[in-house]
Amino acid sequence: MIPAPQKGFLAPDFALETGEGEIIRLSELRGRPVILNVWASWCAPCRAEMPALQRVFQAYQAQGVEILGLNSTAQDDRQKAQAFAAEQGLTFPILFDTDGEATRLYAVRALPTTYFIDAQGIIQEVVAGGPMSEALLRIRVQQLIEAGLREQP
């Protein structure tokens, strides 16, 4: 399948570092639904939706759902982003796109932009802009989980 940053296509792979120095490669998360949220610490809508992302992560991580906060570090400040994540008590991985390569790979035009990726690595929905409501996040996560259950033999 062709990788492209839009619905119905394989999510482009990347490997980025967390604040703890761990490298996370998107393709290694296959088999689990992933919400990829591209954000920056100066972005008001990004900041507004982070608490909902955290609550959804806490509610669904036991079911294998992954949330990745991809900080657009090339247009942000890593220390400010880390401070914001700590202040919010975010427990999902925050990835730092220091050279902007992942942001370009995903053709991000607005912050925040969120990609809902199914367990097979296929983008099911792209939401540009925000903030997204917690209710919408929960509906999309449920859809990803249900799609994964239908795919199982």
N, C-alpha and C. Protein backbone atom coordinates (compact mmCIF):
# COMPACT_ATOMS: atom_id res chain seq x y z
N MET A 1 0.85 -1.18 0.00
CA MET A 1 0.00 0.00 0.00
C MET A 1 0.89 1.25 0.00
N ILE A 2 0.46 2.29 -0.69
CA ILE A 2 1.25 3.51 -0.82
C ILE A 2 1.11 4.35 0.46
N PRO A 3 2.25 4.79 1.03
CA PRO A 3 2.16 5.68 2.19
C PRO A 3 1.75 7.10 1.75
N ALA A 4 0.78 7.66 2.41
CA ALA A 4 0.35 9.04 2.16
C ALA A 4 -0.40 9.53 3.39
N PRO A 5 -0.34 10.83 3.65
CA PRO A 5 -0.97 11.36 4.87
C PRO A 5 -2.45 11.68 4.73
N GLN A 6 -3.21 10.77 4.12
CA GLN A 6 -4.63 11.01 3.97
C GLN A 6 -5.44 9.73 4.16
N LYS A 7 -6.73 9.92 4.36
CA LYS A 7 -7.64 8.80 4.64
C LYS A 7 -7.51 7.71 3.58
N GLY A 8 -7.42 6.46 4.06
CA GLY A 8 -7.38 5.32 3.18
C GLY A 8 -5.98 4.89 2.78
N PHE A 9 -4.98 5.67 3.15
CA PHE A 9 -3.60 5.37 2.80
C PHE A 9 -2.82 4.89 4.02
N LEU A 10 -1.74 4.18 3.76
CA LEU A 10 -0.84 3.75 4.81
C LEU A 10 -0.19 4.97 5.45
N ALA A 11 -0.21 5.03 6.77
CA ALA A 11 0.41 6.14 7.49
C ALA A 11 1.91 6.13 7.25
N PRO A 12 2.49 7.25 6.79
CA PRO A 12 3.94 7.29 6.57
C PRO A 12 4.69 6.97 7.86
N ASP A 13 5.75 6.18 7.72
CA ASP A 13 6.53 5.77 8.89
C ASP A 13 7.52 6.87 9.27
N PHE A 14 7.83 6.92 10.54
CA PHE A 14 8.85 7.83 11.05
C PHE A 14 9.40 7.23 12.33
N ALA A 15 10.55 7.71 12.74
CA ALA A 15 11.13 7.35 14.04
C ALA A 15 11.54 8.65 14.70
N LEU A 16 10.97 8.92 15.87
CA LEU A 16 11.27 10.16 16.59
C LEU A 16 11.58 9.86 18.05
N GLU A 17 12.28 10.79 18.65
CA GLU A 17 12.72 10.65 20.04
C GLU A 17 11.73 11.30 21.00
N THR A 18 11.54 10.64 22.15
CA THR A 18 10.73 11.20 23.23
C THR A 18 11.63 12.07 24.11
N GLY A 19 11.03 12.75 25.05
CA GLY A 19 11.80 13.55 26.01
C GLY A 19 12.72 12.72 26.87
N GLU A 20 12.42 11.42 26.98
CA GLU A 20 13.24 10.51 27.78
C GLU A 20 14.33 9.85 26.95
N GLY A 21 14.40 10.21 25.65
CA GLY A 21 15.44 9.66 24.79
C GLY A 21 15.07 8.35 24.11
N GLU A 22 13.84 7.87 24.31
CA GLU A 22 13.39 6.64 23.65
C GLU A 22 13.02 6.97 22.20
N ILE A 23 13.37 6.09 21.29
CA ILE A 23 12.99 6.26 19.88
C ILE A 23 11.72 5.44 19.64
N ILE A 24 10.71 6.10 19.12
CA ILE A 24 9.46 5.41 18.78
C ILE A 24 9.30 5.46 17.27
N ARG A 25 9.12 4.27 16.68
CA ARG A 25 8.88 4.14 15.24
C ARG A 25 7.41 3.78 15.06
N LEU A 26 6.73 4.57 14.26
CA LEU A 26 5.29 4.35 14.07
C LEU A 26 4.99 2.93 13.61
N SER A 27 5.74 2.40 12.67
CA SER A 27 5.46 1.06 12.13
C SER A 27 5.56 -0.03 13.19
N GLU A 28 6.30 0.22 14.27
CA GLU A 28 6.40 -0.78 15.35
C GLU A 28 5.13 -0.84 16.20
N LEU A 29 4.21 0.08 15.98
CA LEU A 29 2.96 0.08 16.73
C LEU A 29 1.83 -0.62 15.98
N ARG A 30 2.15 -1.21 14.82
CA ARG A 30 1.13 -1.95 14.06
C ARG A 30 0.51 -3.01 14.95
N GLY A 31 -0.76 -3.22 14.73
CA GLY A 31 -1.50 -4.15 15.58
C GLY A 31 -2.29 -3.41 16.64
N ARG A 32 -2.02 -2.09 16.76
CA ARG A 32 -2.75 -1.26 17.73
C ARG A 32 -3.25 0.00 17.03
N PRO A 33 -4.44 0.48 17.40
CA PRO A 33 -4.88 1.76 16.87
C PRO A 33 -4.01 2.88 17.43
N VAL A 34 -3.74 3.90 16.60
CA VAL A 34 -2.89 5.01 17.01
C VAL A 34 -3.59 6.33 16.68
N ILE A 35 -3.55 7.23 17.65
CA ILE A 35 -3.96 8.60 17.40
C ILE A 35 -2.67 9.41 17.38
N LEU A 36 -2.39 10.03 16.24
CA LEU A 36 -1.20 10.85 16.09
C LEU A 36 -1.64 12.30 16.07
N ASN A 37 -1.27 13.04 17.11
CA ASN A 37 -1.68 14.43 17.27
C ASN A 37 -0.46 15.32 17.10
N VAL A 38 -0.48 16.16 16.04
CA VAL A 38 0.62 17.08 15.77
C VAL A 38 0.27 18.42 16.41
N TRP A 39 1.19 18.94 17.22
CA TRP A 39 0.87 20.11 18.03
C TRP A 39 2.12 20.96 18.28
N ALA A 40 1.89 22.14 18.87
CA ALA A 40 2.97 23.03 19.33
C ALA A 40 2.51 23.70 20.62
N SER A 41 3.47 24.04 21.47
CA SER A 41 3.12 24.60 22.78
C SER A 41 2.51 26.00 22.69
N TRP A 42 2.79 26.74 21.62
CA TRP A 42 2.25 28.09 21.46
C TRP A 42 0.85 28.10 20.85
N CYS A 43 0.37 26.94 20.42
CA CYS A 43 -0.91 26.81 19.71
C CYS A 43 -2.05 26.66 20.72
N ALA A 44 -2.91 27.68 20.80
CA ALA A 44 -4.00 27.66 21.79
C ALA A 44 -4.95 26.47 21.61
N PRO A 45 -5.41 26.17 20.38
CA PRO A 45 -6.29 25.00 20.24
C PRO A 45 -5.59 23.69 20.62
N CYS A 46 -4.28 23.60 20.35
CA CYS A 46 -3.52 22.41 20.74
C CYS A 46 -3.55 22.25 22.25
N ARG A 47 -3.28 23.34 22.93
CA ARG A 47 -3.25 23.33 24.39
C ARG A 47 -4.64 22.97 24.94
N ALA A 48 -5.68 23.48 24.29
CA ALA A 48 -7.04 23.26 24.78
C ALA A 48 -7.47 21.79 24.67
N GLU A 49 -6.99 21.07 23.64
CA GLU A 49 -7.45 19.69 23.48
C GLU A 49 -6.59 18.66 24.21
N MET A 50 -5.44 19.06 24.75
CA MET A 50 -4.56 18.11 25.43
C MET A 50 -5.20 17.40 26.62
N PRO A 51 -5.95 18.10 27.48
CA PRO A 51 -6.59 17.38 28.59
C PRO A 51 -7.53 16.26 28.10
N ALA A 52 -8.27 16.51 27.01
CA ALA A 52 -9.16 15.49 26.47
C ALA A 52 -8.35 14.32 25.92
N LEU A 53 -7.25 14.59 25.23
CA LEU A 53 -6.40 13.51 24.73
C LEU A 53 -5.87 12.67 25.89
N GLN A 54 -5.47 13.32 26.97
CA GLN A 54 -4.96 12.59 28.13
C GLN A 54 -6.04 11.70 28.74
N ARG A 55 -7.26 12.22 28.89
CA ARG A 55 -8.36 11.43 29.46
C ARG A 55 -8.69 10.23 28.56
N VAL A 56 -8.69 10.45 27.25
CA VAL A 56 -8.97 9.35 26.31
C VAL A 56 -7.85 8.31 26.38
N PHE A 57 -6.61 8.76 26.48
CA PHE A 57 -5.49 7.82 26.61
C PHE A 57 -5.66 6.97 27.86
N GLN A 58 -5.99 7.60 28.99
CA GLN A 58 -6.17 6.85 30.24
C GLN A 58 -7.33 5.86 30.12
N ALA A 59 -8.37 6.26 29.42
CA ALA A 59 -9.56 5.40 29.30
C ALA A 59 -9.33 4.20 28.37
N TYR A 60 -8.47 4.35 27.36
CA TYR A 60 -8.36 3.32 26.33
C TYR A 60 -7.00 2.64 26.22
N GLN A 61 -6.02 3.06 26.98
CA GLN A 61 -4.70 2.45 26.82
C GLN A 61 -4.72 0.96 27.18
N ALA A 62 -5.56 0.55 28.11
CA ALA A 62 -5.65 -0.86 28.47
C ALA A 62 -6.18 -1.70 27.31
N GLN A 63 -6.87 -1.05 26.36
CA GLN A 63 -7.38 -1.75 25.18
C GLN A 63 -6.39 -1.67 24.01
N GLY A 64 -5.18 -1.19 24.29
CA GLY A 64 -4.13 -1.16 23.27
C GLY A 64 -4.06 0.10 22.44
N VAL A 65 -4.87 1.09 22.76
CA VAL A 65 -4.85 2.33 21.98
C VAL A 65 -3.62 3.14 22.35
N GLU A 66 -2.91 3.61 21.32
CA GLU A 66 -1.74 4.45 21.51
C GLU A 66 -2.08 5.88 21.10
N ILE A 67 -1.64 6.83 21.89
CA ILE A 67 -1.71 8.23 21.50
C ILE A 67 -0.27 8.73 21.46
N LEU A 68 0.08 9.37 20.36
CA LEU A 68 1.40 9.98 20.21
C LEU A 68 1.20 11.47 20.01
N GLY A 69 1.83 12.25 20.87
CA GLY A 69 1.82 13.70 20.72
C GLY A 69 3.07 14.11 19.97
N LEU A 70 2.92 14.42 18.68
CA LEU A 70 4.07 14.77 17.85
C LEU A 70 4.24 16.28 17.91
N ASN A 71 5.21 16.71 18.69
CA ASN A 71 5.48 18.14 18.82
C ASN A 71 6.22 18.63 17.58
N SER A 72 5.66 19.64 16.94
CA SER A 72 6.29 20.24 15.76
C SER A 72 7.43 21.14 16.23
N THR A 73 8.48 20.50 16.73
CA THR A 73 9.57 21.19 17.40
C THR A 73 10.32 22.14 16.49
N ALA A 74 10.31 21.89 15.19
CA ALA A 74 10.99 22.78 14.24
C ALA A 74 10.37 24.18 14.28
N GLN A 75 9.10 24.28 14.73
CA GLN A 75 8.45 25.59 14.85
C GLN A 75 8.00 25.86 16.29
N ASP A 76 8.65 25.20 17.23
CA ASP A 76 8.31 25.34 18.65
C ASP A 76 9.62 25.37 19.45
N ASP A 77 9.51 25.36 20.74
CA ASP A 77 10.66 25.31 21.62
C ASP A 77 10.54 24.04 22.46
N ARG A 78 11.52 23.15 22.34
CA ARG A 78 11.44 21.85 23.01
C ARG A 78 11.24 21.99 24.52
N GLN A 79 11.96 22.91 25.16
CA GLN A 79 11.81 23.09 26.61
C GLN A 79 10.40 23.54 26.98
N LYS A 80 9.84 24.45 26.19
CA LYS A 80 8.47 24.91 26.46
C LYS A 80 7.48 23.76 26.25
N ALA A 81 7.70 22.96 25.23
CA ALA A 81 6.82 21.82 24.96
C ALA A 81 6.90 20.81 26.10
N GLN A 82 8.11 20.51 26.56
CA GLN A 82 8.27 19.56 27.68
C GLN A 82 7.64 20.11 28.95
N ALA A 83 7.82 21.41 29.19
CA ALA A 83 7.22 22.03 30.38
C ALA A 83 5.70 21.95 30.32
N PHE A 84 5.13 22.21 29.14
CA PHE A 84 3.67 22.13 28.98
C PHE A 84 3.19 20.71 29.23
N ALA A 85 3.87 19.72 28.65
CA ALA A 85 3.48 18.32 28.83
C ALA A 85 3.53 17.93 30.31
N ALA A 86 4.57 18.38 31.02
CA ALA A 86 4.69 18.08 32.45
C ALA A 86 3.59 18.77 33.25
N GLU A 87 3.34 20.02 32.92
CA GLU A 87 2.31 20.80 33.61
C GLU A 87 0.93 20.16 33.43
N GLN A 88 0.68 19.60 32.26
CA GLN A 88 -0.61 18.94 31.97
C GLN A 88 -0.67 17.51 32.50
N GLY A 89 0.46 16.96 32.94
CA GLY A 89 0.50 15.59 33.42
C GLY A 89 0.27 14.57 32.31
N LEU A 90 0.77 14.89 31.11
CA LEU A 90 0.57 13.99 29.97
C LEU A 90 1.40 12.73 30.16
N THR A 91 0.75 11.58 30.00
CA THR A 91 1.45 10.31 30.19
C THR A 91 1.63 9.54 28.87
N PHE A 92 1.03 10.02 27.79
CA PHE A 92 1.28 9.40 26.49
C PHE A 92 2.59 9.97 25.94
N PRO A 93 3.25 9.24 25.04
CA PRO A 93 4.55 9.70 24.54
C PRO A 93 4.46 11.02 23.77
N ILE A 94 5.38 11.91 24.09
CA ILE A 94 5.55 13.16 23.34
C ILE A 94 6.80 12.98 22.49
N LEU A 95 6.64 13.10 21.18
CA LEU A 95 7.73 12.94 20.24
C LEU A 95 8.17 14.30 19.73
N PHE A 96 9.47 14.46 19.52
CA PHE A 96 10.01 15.75 19.11
C PHE A 96 10.52 15.71 17.68
N ASP A 97 9.83 16.45 16.81
CA ASP A 97 10.17 16.54 15.39
C ASP A 97 11.07 17.76 15.21
N THR A 98 12.32 17.61 15.62
CA THR A 98 13.24 18.76 15.67
C THR A 98 13.59 19.32 14.29
N ASP A 99 13.66 18.46 13.28
CA ASP A 99 14.02 18.97 11.95
C ASP A 99 12.80 19.20 11.05
N GLY A 100 11.61 18.90 11.56
CA GLY A 100 10.38 19.12 10.80
C GLY A 100 10.09 18.07 9.75
N GLU A 101 10.89 17.01 9.70
CA GLU A 101 10.73 15.99 8.67
C GLU A 101 9.38 15.26 8.76
N ALA A 102 8.98 14.85 9.97
CA ALA A 102 7.70 14.15 10.12
C ALA A 102 6.53 15.08 9.81
N THR A 103 6.62 16.32 10.21
CA THR A 103 5.57 17.30 9.92
C THR A 103 5.44 17.48 8.41
N ARG A 104 6.56 17.52 7.69
CA ARG A 104 6.52 17.61 6.22
C ARG A 104 5.98 16.32 5.61
N LEU A 105 6.41 15.18 6.15
CA LEU A 105 5.97 13.88 5.65
C LEU A 105 4.45 13.75 5.72
N TYR A 106 3.86 14.34 6.76
CA TYR A 106 2.41 14.29 6.95
C TYR A 106 1.69 15.50 6.34
N ALA A 107 2.45 16.36 5.66
CA ALA A 107 1.88 17.53 4.98
C ALA A 107 0.98 18.34 5.91
N VAL A 108 1.44 18.56 7.14
CA VAL A 108 0.66 19.29 8.13
C VAL A 108 0.56 20.76 7.71
N ARG A 109 -0.66 21.25 7.62
CA ARG A 109 -0.91 22.63 7.21
C ARG A 109 -1.52 23.47 8.33
N ALA A 110 -2.01 22.80 9.37
CA ALA A 110 -2.66 23.50 10.49
C ALA A 110 -2.32 22.75 11.77
N LEU A 111 -2.25 23.49 12.85
CA LEU A 111 -2.05 22.89 14.16
C LEU A 111 -3.27 23.17 15.01
N PRO A 112 -3.75 22.19 15.76
CA PRO A 112 -3.32 20.80 15.72
C PRO A 112 -3.88 20.09 14.48
N THR A 113 -3.23 19.00 14.10
CA THR A 113 -3.77 18.07 13.12
C THR A 113 -3.66 16.69 13.73
N THR A 114 -4.76 15.94 13.65
CA THR A 114 -4.81 14.62 14.28
C THR A 114 -5.15 13.56 13.23
N TYR A 115 -4.35 12.49 13.28
CA TYR A 115 -4.52 11.35 12.36
C TYR A 115 -5.00 10.15 13.18
N PHE A 116 -6.11 9.56 12.76
CA PHE A 116 -6.64 8.36 13.40
C PHE A 116 -6.21 7.19 12.53
N ILE A 117 -5.33 6.35 13.07
CA ILE A 117 -4.70 5.28 12.31
C ILE A 117 -5.15 3.94 12.88
N ASP A 118 -5.64 3.05 12.00
CA ASP A 118 -6.13 1.77 12.50
C ASP A 118 -4.97 0.80 12.76
N ALA A 119 -5.31 -0.36 13.28
CA ALA A 119 -4.29 -1.34 13.70
C ALA A 119 -3.45 -1.86 12.53
N GLN A 120 -3.94 -1.69 11.30
CA GLN A 120 -3.18 -2.11 10.12
C GLN A 120 -2.29 -0.98 9.60
N GLY A 121 -2.34 0.17 10.27
CA GLY A 121 -1.50 1.30 9.86
C GLY A 121 -2.14 2.18 8.81
N ILE A 122 -3.46 2.02 8.59
CA ILE A 122 -4.16 2.80 7.58
C ILE A 122 -4.84 4.01 8.25
N ILE A 123 -4.66 5.17 7.66
CA ILE A 123 -5.29 6.39 8.18
C ILE A 123 -6.79 6.31 7.90
N GLN A 124 -7.58 6.41 8.97
CA GLN A 124 -9.03 6.34 8.84
C GLN A 124 -9.68 7.72 8.82
N GLU A 125 -9.00 8.70 9.41
CA GLU A 125 -9.54 10.06 9.43
C GLU A 125 -8.42 11.03 9.74
N VAL A 126 -8.54 12.23 9.19
CA VAL A 126 -7.62 13.32 9.48
C VAL A 126 -8.47 14.50 9.93
N VAL A 127 -8.14 15.07 11.09
CA VAL A 127 -8.84 16.25 11.59
C VAL A 127 -7.82 17.38 11.69
N ALA A 128 -7.97 18.36 10.82
CA ALA A 128 -7.09 19.54 10.84
C ALA A 128 -7.77 20.64 11.61
N GLY A 129 -7.07 21.19 12.59
CA GLY A 129 -7.64 22.22 13.44
C GLY A 129 -8.21 21.64 14.70
N GLY A 130 -8.67 22.48 15.55
CA GLY A 130 -9.18 22.03 16.83
C GLY A 130 -9.62 23.23 17.65
N PRO A 131 -9.92 23.01 18.91
CA PRO A 131 -9.74 21.76 19.62
C PRO A 131 -10.89 20.77 19.37
N MET A 132 -10.53 19.49 19.37
CA MET A 132 -11.52 18.43 19.28
C MET A 132 -12.13 18.19 20.65
N SER A 133 -13.40 17.86 20.65
CA SER A 133 -14.05 17.55 21.92
C SER A 133 -13.66 16.14 22.36
N GLU A 134 -13.76 15.91 23.65
CA GLU A 134 -13.49 14.57 24.17
C GLU A 134 -14.49 13.56 23.61
N ALA A 135 -15.73 13.98 23.42
CA ALA A 135 -16.75 13.08 22.88
C ALA A 135 -16.36 12.61 21.47
N LEU A 136 -15.90 13.54 20.63
CA LEU A 136 -15.49 13.16 19.27
C LEU A 136 -14.29 12.21 19.33
N LEU A 137 -13.33 12.50 20.19
CA LEU A 137 -12.17 11.62 20.33
C LEU A 137 -12.61 10.21 20.72
N ARG A 138 -13.50 10.12 21.68
CA ARG A 138 -13.96 8.80 22.14
C ARG A 138 -14.70 8.04 21.03
N ILE A 139 -15.51 8.74 20.26
CA ILE A 139 -16.22 8.09 19.15
C ILE A 139 -15.21 7.54 18.15
N ARG A 140 -14.21 8.34 17.77
CA ARG A 140 -13.21 7.91 16.79
C ARG A 140 -12.38 6.74 17.31
N VAL A 141 -12.04 6.77 18.59
CA VAL A 141 -11.27 5.67 19.18
C VAL A 141 -12.11 4.39 19.16
N GLN A 142 -13.37 4.49 19.53
CA GLN A 142 -14.26 3.31 19.50
C GLN A 142 -14.34 2.74 18.09
N GLN A 143 -14.43 3.62 17.09
CA GLN A 143 -14.49 3.16 15.70
C GLN A 143 -13.21 2.41 15.33
N LEU A 144 -12.06 2.92 15.77
CA LEU A 144 -10.79 2.24 15.48
C LEU A 144 -10.73 0.87 16.16
N ILE A 145 -11.19 0.82 17.41
CA ILE A 145 -11.19 -0.45 18.15
C ILE A 145 -12.11 -1.45 17.47
N GLU A 146 -13.33 -1.01 17.12
CA GLU A 146 -14.31 -1.91 16.47
C GLU A 146 -13.80 -2.38 15.12
N ALA A 147 -13.15 -1.50 14.36
CA ALA A 147 -12.59 -1.90 13.06
C ALA A 147 -11.52 -2.97 13.26
N GLY A 148 -10.73 -2.83 14.29
CA GLY A 148 -9.69 -3.81 14.59
C GLY A 148 -10.27 -5.17 14.97
N LEU A 149 -11.38 -5.15 15.69
CA LEU A 149 -12.05 -6.40 16.07
C LEU A 149 -12.62 -7.11 14.85
N ARG A 150 -13.12 -6.34 13.89
CA ARG A 150 -13.67 -6.92 12.66
C ARG A 150 -12.56 -7.55 11.81
N GLU A 151 -11.35 -6.99 11.92
CA GLU A 151 -10.21 -7.48 11.11
C GLU A 151 -9.64 -8.79 11.64
N GLN A 152 -9.86 -9.07 12.93
CA GLN A 152 -9.27 -10.26 13.53
C GLN A 152 -9.92 -11.53 12.96
N PRO A 153 -9.13 -12.60 12.76
CA PRO A 153 -9.68 -13.85 12.20
C PRO A 153 -10.64 -14.53 13.16
